[in-house]
């Protein structure tokens, strides 16, 4: 996985949260910190090994920048971003 994925969408591939969508809010070495705004708020992100997630590249770079540009990422912004992705990706 490439470096600099903060703000990208990710799907959990392993663990009890398998298939759950998250946003990567921080990276530290081989780990990423994920939030979904509900069960995993930004203030208490889930630490997950990089090899146990799949980056979703459907989002444009401008969407990632807009999400992070506010400086302080809120749970509401994370929930809205994930909701928009789910709505757009449905057939």
Protein backbone atom coordinates (compact mmCIF):
# COMPACT_ATOMS: atom_id res chain seq x y z
CA UNK A 1 0.00 0.00 0.00
CA UNK A 2 1.28 3.42 -0.86
CA UNK A 3 2.07 6.05 1.71
CA UNK A 4 -0.05 9.18 2.05
CA UNK A 5 -3.46 7.53 2.18
CA UNK A 6 -4.83 9.78 4.90
CA UNK A 7 -8.38 10.75 4.02
CA UNK A 8 -8.92 7.78 1.71
CA UNK A 9 -11.75 5.32 2.09
CA UNK A 10 -10.83 1.82 3.24
CA UNK A 11 -12.67 -1.45 3.66
CA UNK A 12 -11.69 -3.86 6.41
CA UNK A 13 -10.62 -7.25 5.04
CA UNK A 14 -10.09 -9.12 8.30
CA UNK A 15 -11.38 -9.23 11.84
CA UNK A 16 -14.79 -8.87 13.41
CA UNK A 17 -15.30 -5.63 11.46
CA UNK A 18 -14.78 -7.31 8.07
CA UNK A 19 -16.44 -5.43 5.16
CA UNK A 20 -16.86 -2.25 7.24
CA UNK A 21 -16.11 1.06 5.52
CA UNK A 22 -13.82 3.55 7.23
CA UNK A 23 -11.84 6.67 6.49
CA UNK A 24 -8.12 6.63 7.18
CA UNK A 25 -7.44 9.47 9.59
CA UNK A 26 -3.79 8.78 10.46
CA UNK A 27 -0.87 6.56 9.50
CA UNK A 28 1.96 5.28 11.69
CA UNK A 29 4.40 2.84 10.17
CA UNK A 30 2.63 -0.38 9.28
CA UNK A 31 -0.61 0.72 10.98
CA UNK A 32 -3.45 3.00 9.96
CA UNK A 33 -6.06 4.56 12.23
CA UNK A 34 -9.63 4.29 10.98
CA UNK A 35 -12.85 6.08 11.87
CA UNK A 36 -16.45 5.68 10.76
CA UNK A 37 -17.98 8.48 12.83
CA UNK A 38 -20.33 6.17 14.74
CA UNK A 39 -18.84 3.10 16.40
CA UNK A 40 -15.31 4.37 15.82
CA UNK A 41 -15.31 8.16 16.26
CA UNK A 42 -12.38 10.33 15.22
CA UNK A 43 -11.44 10.74 18.89
CA UNK A 44 -11.12 6.94 19.34
CA UNK A 45 -10.00 5.47 15.99
CA UNK A 46 -9.42 1.80 15.30
CA UNK A 47 -5.79 0.79 14.81
CA UNK A 48 -5.46 -1.72 12.01
CA UNK A 49 -2.57 -3.31 10.16
CA UNK A 50 -2.25 -1.99 6.60
CA UNK A 51 -2.38 -5.49 5.14
CA UNK A 52 -5.86 -5.99 6.63
CA UNK A 53 -7.51 -3.15 4.72
CA UNK A 54 -8.29 -2.41 1.10
CA UNK A 55 -7.97 1.18 -0.10
CA UNK A 56 -10.92 2.30 -2.19
CA UNK A 57 -9.70 4.49 -5.04
CA UNK A 58 -13.11 5.65 -6.28
CA UNK A 59 -12.85 8.97 -4.48
CA UNK A 60 -11.19 11.86 -6.25
CA UNK A 61 -8.17 13.53 -4.73
CA UNK A 62 -10.18 16.76 -4.36
CA UNK A 63 -12.71 14.98 -2.12
CA UNK A 64 -9.91 13.81 0.18
CA UNK A 65 -8.42 17.29 0.31
CA UNK A 66 -11.81 18.87 1.06
CA UNK A 67 -12.45 16.39 3.86
CA UNK A 68 -9.09 17.13 5.50
CA UNK A 69 -8.97 20.87 4.69
CA UNK A 70 -11.20 21.83 7.59
CA UNK A 71 -8.26 21.09 9.89
CA UNK A 72 -10.33 19.33 12.51
CA UNK A 73 -12.04 16.26 11.12
CA UNK A 74 -15.45 15.76 12.74
CA UNK A 75 -17.49 12.61 13.17
CA UNK A 76 -20.33 14.23 11.25
CA UNK A 77 -18.07 14.95 8.26
CA UNK A 78 -16.85 11.34 8.29
CA UNK A 79 -20.41 9.97 8.42
CA UNK A 80 -21.52 12.24 5.57
CA UNK A 81 -18.51 11.24 3.43
CA UNK A 82 -19.19 7.52 3.93
CA UNK A 83 -22.92 8.00 3.31
CA UNK A 84 -22.20 9.81 0.03
CA UNK A 85 -19.87 7.00 -1.09
CA UNK A 86 -22.44 4.28 -0.28
CA UNK A 87 -25.16 6.16 -2.15
CA UNK A 88 -22.94 6.70 -5.23
CA UNK A 89 -21.68 3.11 -5.33
CA UNK A 90 -25.09 1.42 -5.27
CA UNK A 91 -26.23 0.02 -8.63
